[in-house]
PDB file of N, CA and C in Angstrom:
ATOM      1  N   GLN A   1      -2.474  15.897   4.472  1.00  0.00           N
ATOM      2  CA  GLN A   1      -2.906  15.736   3.093  1.00  0.00           C
ATOM      3  C   GLN A   1      -2.117  14.597   2.463  1.00  0.00           C
ATOM      4  N   VAL A   2      -2.833  13.699   1.812  1.00  0.00           N
ATOM      5  CA  VAL A   2      -2.168  12.540   1.226  1.00  0.00           C
ATOM      6  C   VAL A   2      -1.424  12.940  -0.031  1.00  0.00           C
ATOM      7  N   ARG A   3      -0.258  12.352  -0.222  1.00  0.00           N
ATOM      8  CA  ARG A   3       0.572  12.620  -1.405  1.00  0.00           C
ATOM      9  C   ARG A   3       0.936  11.295  -2.047  1.00  0.00           C
ATOM     10  N   LEU A   4       0.800  11.236  -3.375  1.00  0.00           N
ATOM     11  CA  LEU A   4       1.078  10.019  -4.126  1.00  0.00           C
ATOM     12  C   LEU A   4       2.194  10.303  -5.132  1.00  0.00           C
ATOM     13  N   VAL A   5       3.195   9.450  -5.150  1.00  0.00           N
ATOM     14  CA  VAL A   5       4.306   9.615  -6.083  1.00  0.00           C
ATOM     15  C   VAL A   5       4.522   8.308  -6.828  1.00  0.00           C
ATOM     16  N   GLU A   6       4.315   8.364  -8.147  1.00  0.00           N
ATOM     17  CA  GLU A   6       4.510   7.185  -8.982  1.00  0.00           C
ATOM     18  C   GLU A   6       5.960   7.095  -9.462  1.00  0.00           C
ATOM     19  N   SER A   7       6.389   5.882  -9.715  1.00  0.00           N
ATOM     20  CA  SER A   7       7.708   5.645 -10.305  1.00  0.00           C
ATOM     21  C   SER A   7       7.678   4.319 -11.047  1.00  0.00           C
ATOM     22  N   GLY A   8       8.695   4.101 -11.867  1.00  0.00           N
ATOM     23  CA  GLY A   8       8.833   2.822 -12.546  1.00  0.00           C
ATOM     24  C   GLY A   8       8.483   2.827 -14.019  1.00  0.00           C
ATOM     25  N   GLY A   9       7.985   3.948 -14.520  1.00  0.00           N
ATOM     26  CA  GLY A   9       7.674   4.015 -15.941  1.00  0.00           C
ATOM     27  C   GLY A   9       8.940   4.064 -16.783  1.00  0.00           C
ATOM     28  N   GLY A  10       8.759   3.953 -18.085  1.00  0.00           N
ATOM     29  CA  GLY A  10       9.894   4.014 -18.986  1.00  0.00           C
ATOM     30  C   GLY A  10       9.566   3.435 -20.341  1.00  0.00           C
ATOM     31  N   LEU A  11      10.609   3.184 -21.102  1.00  0.00           N
ATOM     32  CA  LEU A  11      10.487   2.623 -22.442  1.00  0.00           C
ATOM     33  C   LEU A  11      10.793   1.136 -22.395  1.00  0.00           C
ATOM     34  N   VAL A  12       9.927   0.343 -22.988  1.00  0.00           N
ATOM     35  CA  VAL A  12      10.113  -1.106 -22.992  1.00  0.00           C
ATOM     36  C   VAL A  12       9.629  -1.658 -24.330  1.00  0.00           C
ATOM     37  N   GLN A  13      10.232  -2.748 -24.761  1.00  0.00           N
ATOM     38  CA  GLN A  13       9.785  -3.391 -25.999  1.00  0.00           C
ATOM     39  C   GLN A  13       8.530  -4.206 -25.756  1.00  0.00           C
ATOM     40  N   ALA A  14       7.766  -4.380 -26.801  1.00  0.00           N
ATOM     41  CA  ALA A  14       6.569  -5.217 -26.711  1.00  0.00           C
ATOM     42  C   ALA A  14       6.948  -6.603 -26.194  1.00  0.00           C
ATOM     43  N   GLY A  15       6.128  -7.111 -25.299  1.00  0.00           N
ATOM     44  CA  GLY A  15       6.407  -8.392 -24.669  1.00  0.00           C
ATOM     45  C   GLY A  15       7.168  -8.277 -23.367  1.00  0.00           C
ATOM     46  N   GLY A  16       7.679  -7.100 -23.084  1.00  0.00           N
ATOM     47  CA  GLY A  16       8.453  -6.885 -21.871  1.00  0.00           C
ATOM     48  C   GLY A  16       7.586  -6.608 -20.659  1.00  0.00           C
ATOM     49  N   SER A  17       8.259  -6.317 -19.547  1.00  0.00           N
ATOM     50  CA  SER A  17       7.572  -6.087 -18.278  1.00  0.00           C
ATOM     51  C   SER A  17       8.077  -4.814 -17.612  1.00  0.00           C
ATOM     52  N   LEU A  18       7.214  -4.237 -16.815  1.00  0.00           N
ATOM     53  CA  LEU A  18       7.563  -3.115 -15.951  1.00  0.00           C
ATOM     54  C   LEU A  18       6.779  -3.263 -14.657  1.00  0.00           C
ATOM     55  N   ARG A  19       7.322  -2.710 -13.588  1.00  0.00           N
ATOM     56  CA  ARG A  19       6.575  -2.626 -12.344  1.00  0.00           C
ATOM     57  C   ARG A  19       6.504  -1.168 -11.917  1.00  0.00           C
ATOM     58  N   LEU A  20       5.292  -0.687 -11.803  1.00  0.00           N
ATOM     59  CA  LEU A  20       5.061   0.664 -11.317  1.00  0.00           C
ATOM     60  C   LEU A  20       4.868   0.638  -9.814  1.00  0.00           C
ATOM     61  N   SER A  21       5.351   1.685  -9.176  1.00  0.00           N
ATOM     62  CA  SER A  21       5.168   1.840  -7.733  1.00  0.00           C
ATOM     63  C   SER A  21       4.480   3.165  -7.454  1.00  0.00           C
ATOM     64  N   CYS A  22       3.673   3.164  -6.418  1.00  0.00           N
ATOM     65  CA  CYS A  22       3.007   4.388  -5.957  1.00  0.00           C
ATOM     66  C   CYS A  22       3.275   4.491  -4.461  1.00  0.00           C
ATOM     67  N   ALA A  23       4.174   5.395  -4.110  1.00  0.00           N
ATOM     68  CA  ALA A  23       4.496   5.616  -2.696  1.00  0.00           C
ATOM     69  C   ALA A  23       3.557   6.678  -2.141  1.00  0.00           C
ATOM     70  N   VAL A  24       2.923   6.350  -1.039  1.00  0.00           N
ATOM     71  CA  VAL A  24       1.918   7.228  -0.441  1.00  0.00           C
ATOM     72  C   VAL A  24       2.437   7.779   0.881  1.00  0.00           C
ATOM     73  N   SER A  25       2.258   9.069   1.083  1.00  0.00           N
ATOM     74  CA  SER A  25       2.617   9.697   2.350  1.00  0.00           C
ATOM     75  C   SER A  25       1.468  10.561   2.831  1.00  0.00           C
ATOM     76  N   GLY A  26       1.437  10.819   4.118  1.00  0.00           N
ATOM     77  CA  GLY A  26       0.413  11.674   4.681  1.00  0.00           C
ATOM     78  C   GLY A  26      -0.785  10.941   5.231  1.00  0.00           C
ATOM     79  N   SER A  27      -0.934   9.682   4.867  1.00  0.00           N
ATOM     80  CA  SER A  27      -2.047   8.879   5.367  1.00  0.00           C
ATOM     81  C   SER A  27      -1.788   7.421   5.039  1.00  0.00           C
ATOM     82  N   SER A  28      -2.434   6.548   5.774  1.00  0.00           N
ATOM     83  CA  SER A  28      -2.276   5.116   5.526  1.00  0.00           C
ATOM     84  C   SER A  28      -3.116   4.675   4.344  1.00  0.00           C
ATOM     85  N   ILE A  29      -2.533   3.835   3.492  1.00  0.00           N
ATOM     86  CA  ILE A  29      -3.275   3.361   2.317  1.00  0.00           C
ATOM     87  C   ILE A  29      -4.448   2.468   2.714  1.00  0.00           C
ATOM     88  N   SER A  30      -4.451   2.008   3.957  1.00  0.00           N
ATOM     89  CA  SER A  30      -5.566   1.173   4.398  1.00  0.00           C
ATOM     90  C   SER A  30      -6.873   1.953   4.482  1.00  0.00           C
ATOM     91  N   ARG A  31      -6.777   3.265   4.407  1.00  0.00           N
ATOM     92  CA  ARG A  31      -7.975   4.113   4.466  1.00  0.00           C
ATOM     93  C   ARG A  31      -8.572   4.353   3.079  1.00  0.00           C
ATOM     94  N   TYR A  32      -7.963   3.760   2.041  1.00  0.00           N
ATOM     95  CA  TYR A  32      -8.359   4.078   0.679  1.00  0.00           C
ATOM     96  C   TYR A  32      -8.555   2.824  -0.170  1.00  0.00           C
ATOM     97  N   VAL A  33      -9.369   2.993  -1.193  1.00  0.00           N
ATOM     98  CA  VAL A  33      -9.321   2.078  -2.316  1.00  0.00           C
ATOM     99  C   VAL A  33      -8.234   2.644  -3.228  1.00  0.00           C
ATOM    100  N   MET A  34      -7.208   1.869  -3.465  1.00  0.00           N
ATOM    101  CA  MET A  34      -6.086   2.335  -4.265  1.00  0.00           C
ATOM    102  C   MET A  34      -6.243   1.843  -5.692  1.00  0.00           C
ATOM    103  N   GLY A  35      -5.941   2.709  -6.643  1.00  0.00           N
ATOM    104  CA  GLY A  35      -6.121   2.318  -8.034  1.00  0.00           C
ATOM    105  C   GLY A  35      -5.041   2.846  -8.950  1.00  0.00           C
ATOM    106  N   TRP A  36      -4.945   2.197 -10.078  1.00  0.00           N
ATOM    107  CA  TRP A  36      -4.117   2.671 -11.185  1.00  0.00           C
ATOM    108  C   TRP A  36      -5.029   2.990 -12.357  1.00  0.00           C
ATOM    109  N   TYR A  37      -4.848   4.166 -12.907  1.00  0.00           N
ATOM    110  CA  TYR A  37      -5.556   4.605 -14.097  1.00  0.00           C
ATOM    111  C   TYR A  37      -4.517   4.897 -15.176  1.00  0.00           C
ATOM    112  N   ARG A  38      -4.975   4.963 -16.399  1.00  0.00           N
ATOM    113  CA  ARG A  38      -4.069   5.363 -17.464  1.00  0.00           C
ATOM    114  C   ARG A  38      -4.792   6.254 -18.468  1.00  0.00           C
ATOM    115  N   GLN A  39      -4.024   7.078 -19.125  1.00  0.00           N
ATOM    116  CA  GLN A  39      -4.568   7.920 -20.174  1.00  0.00           C
ATOM    117  C   GLN A  39      -3.702   7.730 -21.402  1.00  0.00           C
ATOM    118  N   ARG A  40      -4.265   7.048 -22.372  1.00  0.00           N
ATOM    119  CA  ARG A  40      -3.577   6.824 -23.644  1.00  0.00           C
ATOM    120  C   ARG A  40      -3.743   8.047 -24.521  1.00  0.00           C
ATOM    121  N   PRO A  41      -2.882   8.210 -25.517  1.00  0.00           N
ATOM    122  CA  PRO A  41      -2.964   9.387 -26.394  1.00  0.00           C
ATOM    123  C   PRO A  41      -4.359   9.531 -27.003  1.00  0.00           C
ATOM    124  N   GLU A  42      -4.922  10.702 -26.842  1.00  0.00           N
ATOM    125  CA  GLU A  42      -6.229  11.059 -27.408  1.00  0.00           C
ATOM    126  C   GLU A  42      -7.364  10.198 -26.860  1.00  0.00           C
ATOM    127  N   LYS A  43      -7.159   9.647 -25.674  1.00  0.00           N
ATOM    128  CA  LYS A  43      -8.204   8.847 -25.036  1.00  0.00           C
ATOM    129  C   LYS A  43      -8.508   9.436 -23.665  1.00  0.00           C
ATOM    130  N   GLN A  44      -9.659   9.065 -23.122  1.00  0.00           N
ATOM    131  CA  GLN A  44      -9.990   9.484 -21.768  1.00  0.00           C
ATOM    132  C   GLN A  44      -9.258   8.608 -20.757  1.00  0.00           C
ATOM    133  N   ARG A  45      -9.096   9.149 -19.585  1.00  0.00           N
ATOM    134  CA  ARG A  45      -8.481   8.379 -18.512  1.00  0.00           C
ATOM    135  C   ARG A  45      -9.379   7.194 -18.179  1.00  0.00           C
ATOM    136  N   GLU A  46      -8.752   6.038 -17.958  1.00  0.00           N
ATOM    137  CA  GLU A  46      -9.523   4.825 -17.705  1.00  0.00           C
ATOM    138  C   GLU A  46      -8.920   4.048 -16.539  1.00  0.00           C
ATOM    139  N   LEU A  47      -9.768   3.322 -15.851  1.00  0.00           N
ATOM    140  CA  LEU A  47      -9.314   2.479 -14.749  1.00  0.00           C
ATOM    141  C   LEU A  47      -8.579   1.266 -15.299  1.00  0.00           C
ATOM    142  N   VAL A  48      -7.411   1.007 -14.745  1.00  0.00           N
ATOM    143  CA  VAL A  48      -6.659  -0.195 -15.094  1.00  0.00           C
ATOM    144  C   VAL A  48      -6.924  -1.281 -14.050  1.00  0.00           C
ATOM    145  N   ALA A  49      -6.780  -0.917 -12.787  1.00  0.00           N
ATOM    146  CA  ALA A  49      -7.013  -1.870 -11.708  1.00  0.00           C
ATOM    147  C   ALA A  49      -7.144  -1.112 -10.400  1.00  0.00           C
ATOM    148  N   ASN A  50      -7.901  -1.705  -9.459  1.00  0.00           N
ATOM    149  CA  ASN A  50      -7.939  -1.136  -8.129  1.00  0.00           C
ATOM    150  C   ASN A  50      -7.948  -2.251  -7.097  1.00  0.00           C
ATOM    151  N   ILE A  51      -7.634  -1.859  -5.866  1.00  0.00           N
ATOM    152  CA  ILE A  51      -7.511  -2.854  -4.808  1.00  0.00           C
ATOM    153  C   ILE A  51      -8.033  -2.275  -3.507  1.00  0.00           C
ATOM    154  N   TYR A  52      -8.793  -3.089  -2.778  1.00  0.00           N
ATOM    155  CA  TYR A  52      -9.401  -2.693  -1.525  1.00  0.00           C
ATOM    156  C   TYR A  52      -8.497  -3.093  -0.359  1.00  0.00           C
ATOM    157  N   LYS A  53      -8.799  -2.553   0.811  1.00  0.00           N
ATOM    158  CA  LYS A  53      -7.960  -2.851   1.971  1.00  0.00           C
ATOM    159  C   LYS A  53      -8.002  -4.327   2.334  1.00  0.00           C
ATOM    160  N   THR A  54      -9.059  -5.008   1.889  1.00  0.00           N
ATOM    161  CA  THR A  54      -9.162  -6.448   2.140  1.00  0.00           C
ATOM    162  C   THR A  54      -8.217  -7.244   1.248  1.00  0.00           C
ATOM    163  N   GLY A  55      -7.735  -6.597   0.195  1.00  0.00           N
ATOM    164  CA  GLY A  55      -6.898  -7.289  -0.775  1.00  0.00           C
ATOM    165  C   GLY A  55      -7.627  -7.694  -2.038  1.00  0.00           C
ATOM    166  N   SER A  56      -8.948  -7.610  -2.023  1.00  0.00           N
ATOM    167  CA  SER A  56      -9.688  -7.916  -3.244  1.00  0.00           C
ATOM    168  C   SER A  56      -9.432  -6.821  -4.274  1.00  0.00           C
ATOM    169  N   SER A  57      -9.490  -7.206  -5.533  1.00  0.00           N
ATOM    170  CA  SER A  57      -9.127  -6.265  -6.584  1.00  0.00           C
ATOM    171  C   SER A  57      -9.999  -6.439  -7.814  1.00  0.00           C
ATOM    172  N   ASN A  58      -9.957  -5.431  -8.654  1.00  0.00           N
ATOM    173  CA  ASN A  58     -10.612  -5.459  -9.954  1.00  0.00           C
ATOM    174  C   ASN A  58      -9.593  -5.084 -11.015  1.00  0.00           C
ATOM    175  N   THR A  59      -9.692  -5.714 -12.175  1.00  0.00           N
ATOM    176  CA  THR A  59      -8.762  -5.449 -13.267  1.00  0.00           C
ATOM    177  C   THR A  59      -9.553  -5.271 -14.555  1.00  0.00           C
ATOM    178  N   ALA A  60      -9.175  -4.272 -15.341  1.00  0.00           N
ATOM    179  CA  ALA A  60      -9.848  -4.036 -16.616  1.00  0.00           C
ATOM    180  C   ALA A  60      -9.656  -5.224 -17.548  1.00  0.00           C
ATOM    181  N   ASP A  61     -10.665  -5.490 -18.344  1.00  0.00           N
ATOM    182  CA  ASP A  61     -10.605  -6.633 -19.267  1.00  0.00           C
ATOM    183  C   ASP A  61      -9.413  -6.525 -20.212  1.00  0.00           C
ATOM    184  N   SER A  62      -9.065  -5.307 -20.581  1.00  0.00           N
ATOM    185  CA  SER A  62      -7.992  -5.111 -21.562  1.00  0.00           C
ATOM    186  C   SER A  62      -6.619  -5.530 -21.042  1.00  0.00           C
ATOM    187  N   VAL A  63      -6.480  -5.631 -19.733  1.00  0.00           N
ATOM    188  CA  VAL A  63      -5.179  -5.986 -19.159  1.00  0.00           C
ATOM    189  C   VAL A  63      -5.250  -7.235 -18.292  1.00  0.00           C
ATOM    190  N   LYS A  64      -6.407  -7.824 -18.196  1.00  0.00           N
ATOM    191  CA  LYS A  64      -6.588  -8.994 -17.332  1.00  0.00           C
ATOM    192  C   LYS A  64      -5.670 -10.124 -17.792  1.00  0.00           C
ATOM    193  N   GLY A  65      -5.020 -10.736 -16.824  1.00  0.00           N
ATOM    194  CA  GLY A  65      -4.086 -11.813 -17.136  1.00  0.00           C
ATOM    195  C   GLY A  65      -2.678 -11.318 -17.428  1.00  0.00           C
ATOM    196  N   ARG A  66      -2.525 -10.009 -17.601  1.00  0.00           N
ATOM    197  CA  ARG A  66      -1.193  -9.435 -17.875  1.00  0.00           C
ATOM    198  C   ARG A  66      -0.739  -8.492 -16.762  1.00  0.00           C
ATOM    199  N   PHE A  67      -1.664  -7.752 -16.176  1.00  0.00           N
ATOM    200  CA  PHE A  67      -1.346  -6.770 -15.144  1.00  0.00           C
ATOM    201  C   PHE A  67      -1.871  -7.263 -13.797  1.00  0.00           C
ATOM    202  N   THR A  68      -1.107  -6.981 -12.756  1.00  0.00           N
ATOM    203  CA  THR A  68      -1.524  -7.353 -11.406  1.00  0.00           C
ATOM    204  C   THR A  68      -1.273  -6.182 -10.468  1.00  0.00           C
ATOM    205  N   ILE A  69      -2.298  -5.824  -9.710  1.00  0.00           N
ATOM    206  CA  ILE A  69      -2.161  -4.777  -8.708  1.00  0.00           C
ATOM    207  C   ILE A  69      -1.942  -5.434  -7.351  1.00  0.00           C
ATOM    208  N   SER A  70      -1.104  -4.797  -6.535  1.00  0.00           N
ATOM    209  CA  SER A  70      -0.863  -5.302  -5.187  1.00  0.00           C
ATOM    210  C   SER A  70      -0.580  -4.123  -4.268  1.00  0.00           C
ATOM    211  N   ARG A  71      -0.644  -4.389  -2.982  1.00  0.00           N
ATOM    212  CA  ARG A  71      -0.367  -3.339  -2.014  1.00  0.00           C
ATOM    213  C   ARG A  71       0.487  -3.891  -0.895  1.00  0.00           C
ATOM    214  N   ASP A  72       1.370  -3.058  -0.367  1.00  0.00           N
ATOM    215  CA  ASP A  72       2.203  -3.394   0.775  1.00  0.00           C
ATOM    216  C   ASP A  72       1.893  -2.365   1.845  1.00  0.00           C
ATOM    217  N   ASN A  73       1.048  -2.768   2.791  1.00  0.00           N
ATOM    218  CA  ASN A  73       0.609  -1.815   3.816  1.00  0.00           C
ATOM    219  C   ASN A  73       1.768  -1.350   4.686  1.00  0.00           C
ATOM    220  N   ALA A  74       2.729  -2.214   4.916  1.00  0.00           N
ATOM    221  CA  ALA A  74       3.875  -1.830   5.753  1.00  0.00           C
ATOM    222  C   ALA A  74       4.709  -0.736   5.096  1.00  0.00           C
ATOM    223  N   LYS A  75       4.800  -0.791   3.775  1.00  0.00           N
ATOM    224  CA  LYS A  75       5.571   0.221   3.035  1.00  0.00           C
ATOM    225  C   LYS A  75       4.685   1.357   2.542  1.00  0.00           C
ATOM    226  N   ASN A  76       3.375   1.232   2.773  1.00  0.00           N
ATOM    227  CA  ASN A  76       2.421   2.254   2.316  1.00  0.00           C
ATOM    228  C   ASN A  76       2.581   2.513   0.820  1.00  0.00           C
ATOM    229  N   THR A  77       2.682   1.433   0.073  1.00  0.00           N
ATOM    230  CA  THR A  77       2.974   1.505  -1.350  1.00  0.00           C
ATOM    231  C   THR A  77       2.057   0.547  -2.116  1.00  0.00           C
ATOM    232  N   VAL A  78       1.682   0.970  -3.298  1.00  0.00           N
ATOM    233  CA  VAL A  78       0.873   0.149  -4.189  1.00  0.00           C
ATOM    234  C   VAL A  78       1.675  -0.090  -5.464  1.00  0.00           C
ATOM    235  N   TYR A  79       1.530  -1.277  -6.021  1.00  0.00           N
ATOM    236  CA  TYR A  79       2.295  -1.658  -7.198  1.00  0.00           C
ATOM    237  C   TYR A  79       1.377  -2.057  -8.344  1.00  0.00           C
ATOM    238  N   LEU A  80       1.901  -1.923  -9.548  1.00  0.00           N
ATOM    239  CA  LEU A  80       1.233  -2.477 -10.718  1.00  0.00           C
ATOM    240  C   LEU A  80       2.287  -3.230 -11.513  1.00  0.00           C
ATOM    241  N   GLN A  81       2.196  -4.547 -11.482  1.00  0.00           N
ATOM    242  CA  GLN A  81       3.089  -5.385 -12.269  1.00  0.00           C
ATOM    243  C   GLN A  81       2.491  -5.549 -13.653  1.00  0.00           C
ATOM    244  N   MET A  82       3.234  -5.162 -14.659  1.00  0.00           N
ATOM    245  CA  MET A  82       2.744  -5.197 -16.029  1.00  0.00           C
ATOM    246  C   MET A  82       3.618  -6.143 -16.847  1.00  0.00           C
ATOM    247  N   ASN A  83       3.026  -7.208 -17.323  1.00  0.00           N
ATOM    248  CA  ASN A  83       3.719  -8.201 -18.132  1.00  0.00           C
ATOM    249  C   ASN A  83       3.130  -8.252 -19.533  1.00  0.00           C
ATOM    250  N   SER A  84       3.874  -8.837 -20.442  1.00  0.00           N
ATOM    251  CA  SER A  84       3.408  -9.006 -21.831  1.00  0.00           C
ATOM    252  C   SER A  84       2.882  -7.689 -22.383  1.00  0.00           C
ATOM    253  N   LEU A  85       3.649  -6.648 -22.205  1.00  0.00           N
ATOM    254  CA  LEU A  85       3.210  -5.313 -22.614  1.00  0.00           C
ATOM    255  C   LEU A  85       3.040  -5.222 -24.118  1.00  0.00           C
ATOM    256  N   LYS A  86       2.048  -4.430 -24.498  1.00  0.00           N
ATOM    257  CA  LYS A  86       1.713  -4.215 -25.902  1.00  0.00           C
ATOM    258  C   LYS A  86       1.834  -2.730 -26.234  1.00  0.00           C
ATOM    259  N   PRO A  87       2.045  -2.412 -27.498  1.00  0.00           N
ATOM    260  CA  PRO A  87       2.123  -0.978 -27.855  1.00  0.00           C
ATOM    261  C   PRO A  87       0.889  -0.191 -27.406  1.00  0.00           C
ATOM    262  N   GLU A  88      -0.261  -0.828 -27.398  1.00  0.00           N
ATOM    263  CA  GLU A  88      -1.471  -0.113 -26.984  1.00  0.00           C
ATOM    264  C   GLU A  88      -1.540   0.139 -25.485  1.00  0.00           C
ATOM    265  N   ASP A  89      -0.581  -0.378 -24.735  1.00  0.00           N
ATOM    266  CA  ASP A  89      -0.486  -0.057 -23.306  1.00  0.00           C
ATOM    267  C   ASP A  89       0.246   1.258 -23.077  1.00  0.00           C
ATOM    268  N   THR A  90       0.796   1.835 -24.140  1.00  0.00           N
ATOM    269  CA  THR A  90       1.476   3.122 -24.018  1.00  0.00           C
ATOM    270  C   THR A  90       0.517   4.170 -23.475  1.00  0.00           C
ATOM    271  N   ALA A  91       0.916   4.809 -22.373  1.00  0.00           N
ATOM    272  CA  ALA A  91       0.033   5.750 -21.697  1.00  0.00           C
ATOM    273  C   ALA A  91       0.783   6.404 -20.536  1.00  0.00           C
ATOM    274  N   VAL A  92       0.178   7.432 -19.999  1.00  0.00           N
ATOM    275  CA  VAL A  92       0.586   7.947 -18.696  1.00  0.00           C
ATOM    276  C   VAL A  92      -0.245   7.218 -17.652  1.00  0.00           C
ATOM    277  N   TYR A  93       0.426   6.627 -16.701  1.00  0.00           N
ATOM    278  CA  TYR A  93      -0.233   5.848 -15.657  1.00  0.00           C
ATOM    279  C   TYR A  93      -0.284   6.680 -14.375  1.00  0.00           C
ATOM    280  N   TYR A  94      -1.468   6.752 -13.800  1.00  0.00           N
ATOM    281  CA  TYR A  94      -1.699   7.560 -12.602  1.00  0.00           C
ATOM    282  C   TYR A  94      -2.122   6.683 -11.443  1.00  0.00           C
ATOM    283  N   CYS A  95      -1.597   7.014 -10.290  1.00  0.00           N
ATOM    284  CA  CYS A  95      -2.034   6.381  -9.047  1.00  0.00           C
ATOM    285  C   CYS A  95      -3.178   7.196  -8.448  1.00  0.00           C
ATOM    286  N   ASN A  96      -4.148   6.499  -7.883  1.00  0.00           N
ATOM    287  CA  ASN A  96      -5.333   7.147  -7.319  1.00  0.00           C
ATOM    288  C   ASN A  96      -5.613   6.588  -5.932  1.00  0.00           C
ATOM    289  N   ALA A  97      -5.987   7.476  -5.020  1.00  0.00           N
ATOM    290  CA  ALA A  97      -6.425   7.066  -3.680  1.00  0.00           C
ATOM    291  C   ALA A  97      -7.849   7.563  -3.488  1.00  0.00           C
ATOM    292  N   ARG A  98      -8.769   6.635  -3.323  1.00  0.00           N
ATOM    293  CA  ARG A  98     -10.181   6.969  -3.159  1.00  0.00           C
ATOM    294  C   ARG A  98     -10.599   6.638  -1.737  1.00  0.00           C
ATOM    295  N   PRO A  99     -10.886   7.665  -0.937  1.00  0.00           N
ATOM    296  CA  PRO A  99     -11.303   7.393   0.441  1.00  0.00           C
ATOM    297  C   PRO A  99     -12.748   6.900   0.472  1.00  0.00           C
ATOM    298  N   TYR A 100     -13.127   6.300   1.567  1.00  0.00           N
ATOM    299  CA  TYR A 100     -14.509   5.837   1.692  1.00  0.00           C
ATOM    300  C   TYR A 100     -15.446   7.022   1.877  1.00  0.00           C
ATOM    301  N   PHE A 101     -14.917   8.141   2.347  1.00  0.00           N
ATOM    302  CA  PHE A 101     -15.650   9.405   2.385  1.00  0.00           C
ATOM    303  C   PHE A 101     -14.684  10.500   1.969  1.00  0.00           C
ATOM    304  N   GLY A 102     -15.093  11.383   1.057  1.00  0.00           N
ATOM    305  CA  GLY A 102     -14.242  12.488   0.654  1.00  0.00           C
ATOM    306  C   GLY A 102     -13.813  12.396  -0.788  1.00  0.00           C
ATOM    307  N   SER A 103     -12.847  13.219  -1.140  1.00  0.00           N
ATOM    308  CA  SER A 103     -12.404  13.358  -2.525  1.00  0.00           C
ATOM    309  C   SER A 103     -11.173  12.504  -2.817  1.00  0.00           C
ATOM    310  N   ASP A 104     -11.051  12.139  -4.086  1.00  0.00           N
ATOM    311  CA  ASP A 104      -9.895  11.374  -4.548  1.00  0.00           C
ATOM    312  C   ASP A 104      -8.633  12.223  -4.500  1.00  0.00           C
ATOM    313  N   SER A 105      -7.505  11.531  -4.415  1.00  0.00           N
ATOM    314  CA  SER A 105      -6.188  12.141  -4.597  1.00  0.00           C
ATOM    315  C   SER A 105      -5.482  11.434  -5.742  1.00  0.00           C
ATOM    316  N   TRP A 106      -4.661  12.209  -6.468  1.00  0.00           N
ATOM    317  CA  TRP A 106      -3.978  11.676  -7.636  1.00  0.00           C
ATOM    318  C   TRP A 106      -2.491  11.979  -7.583  1.00  0.00           C
ATOM    319  N   GLY A 107      -1.711  11.081  -8.154  1.00  0.00           N
ATOM    320  CA  GLY A 107      -0.321  11.377  -8.412  1.00  0.00           C
ATOM    321  C   GLY A 107      -0.181  12.141  -9.715  1.00  0.00           C
ATOM    322  N   GLU A 108       1.066  12.496 -10.026  1.00  0.00           N
ATOM    323  CA  GLU A 108       1.309  13.276 -11.237  1.00  0.00           C
ATOM    324  C   GLU A 108       1.479  12.402 -12.472  1.00  0.00           C
ATOM    325  N   GLY A 109       1.606  11.116 -12.274  1.00  0.00           N
ATOM    326  CA  GLY A 109       1.678  10.200 -13.407  1.00  0.00           C
ATOM    327  C   GLY A 109       3.092   9.802 -13.780  1.00  0.00           C
ATOM    328  N   THR A 110       3.176   8.638 -14.417  1.00  0.00           N
ATOM    329  CA  THR A 110       4.455   8.161 -14.938  1.00  0.00           C
ATOM    330  C   THR A 110       4.209   7.599 -16.335  1.00  0.00           C
ATOM    331  N   LEU A 111       5.073   7.941 -17.263  1.00  0.00           N
ATOM    332  CA  LEU A 111       4.880   7.579 -18.661  1.00  0.00           C
ATOM    333  C   LEU A 111       5.433   6.186 -18.940  1.00  0.00           C
ATOM    334  N   VAL A 112       4.606   5.379 -19.569  1.00  0.00           N
ATOM    335  CA  VAL A 112       5.015   4.062 -20.042  1.00  0.00           C
ATOM    336  C   VAL A 112       4.910   4.062 -21.562  1.00  0.00           C
ATOM    337  N   THR A 113       6.010   3.741 -22.223  1.00  0.00           N
ATOM    338  CA  THR A 113       6.038   3.678 -23.680  1.00  0.00           C
ATOM    339  C   THR A 113       6.461   2.281 -24.097  1.00  0.00           C
ATOM    340  N   VAL A 114       5.619   1.643 -24.900  1.00  0.00           N
ATOM    341  CA  VAL A 114       5.897   0.280 -25.359  1.00  0.00           C
ATOM    342  C   VAL A 114       6.149   0.336 -26.858  1.00  0.00           C
ATOM    343  N   SER A 115       7.339  -0.042 -27.253  1.00  0.00           N
ATOM    344  CA  SER A 115       7.699  -0.015 -28.669  1.00  0.00           C
ATOM    345  C   SER A 115       7.408  -1.364 -29.322  1.00  0.00           C
ATOM    346  N   SER A 116       7.064  -1.296 -30.593  1.00  0.00           N
ATOM    347  CA  SER A 116       6.728  -2.537 -31.321  1.00  0.00           C
ATOM    348  C   SER A 116       7.948  -3.155 -31.972  1.00  0.00           C
TER     349      SER A 116
END
């Protein structure tokens, strides 16, 4: 069974940067489309970015040019580099593993708080 553990969240001032990590165990990330989602206060969970085993990726318009998703297959880890953070980026960020067949797996989330 695949297990996802996020890390790297915290408190940062507006304009600052954070890098989130998602360490995956139990299966190779090459078997999944890996993604980062976030849930802002009183909002639904939304896709931030995802990345395919080929390395191609998609990024939400709201974070395009500021956030970058990447994967390290050797470390079985996915990253989200977040730059130029804004208060509206405050959210719980979740790592997601979507297999080509079967059900998604989720991490427990990591809180990112951006102060103005």
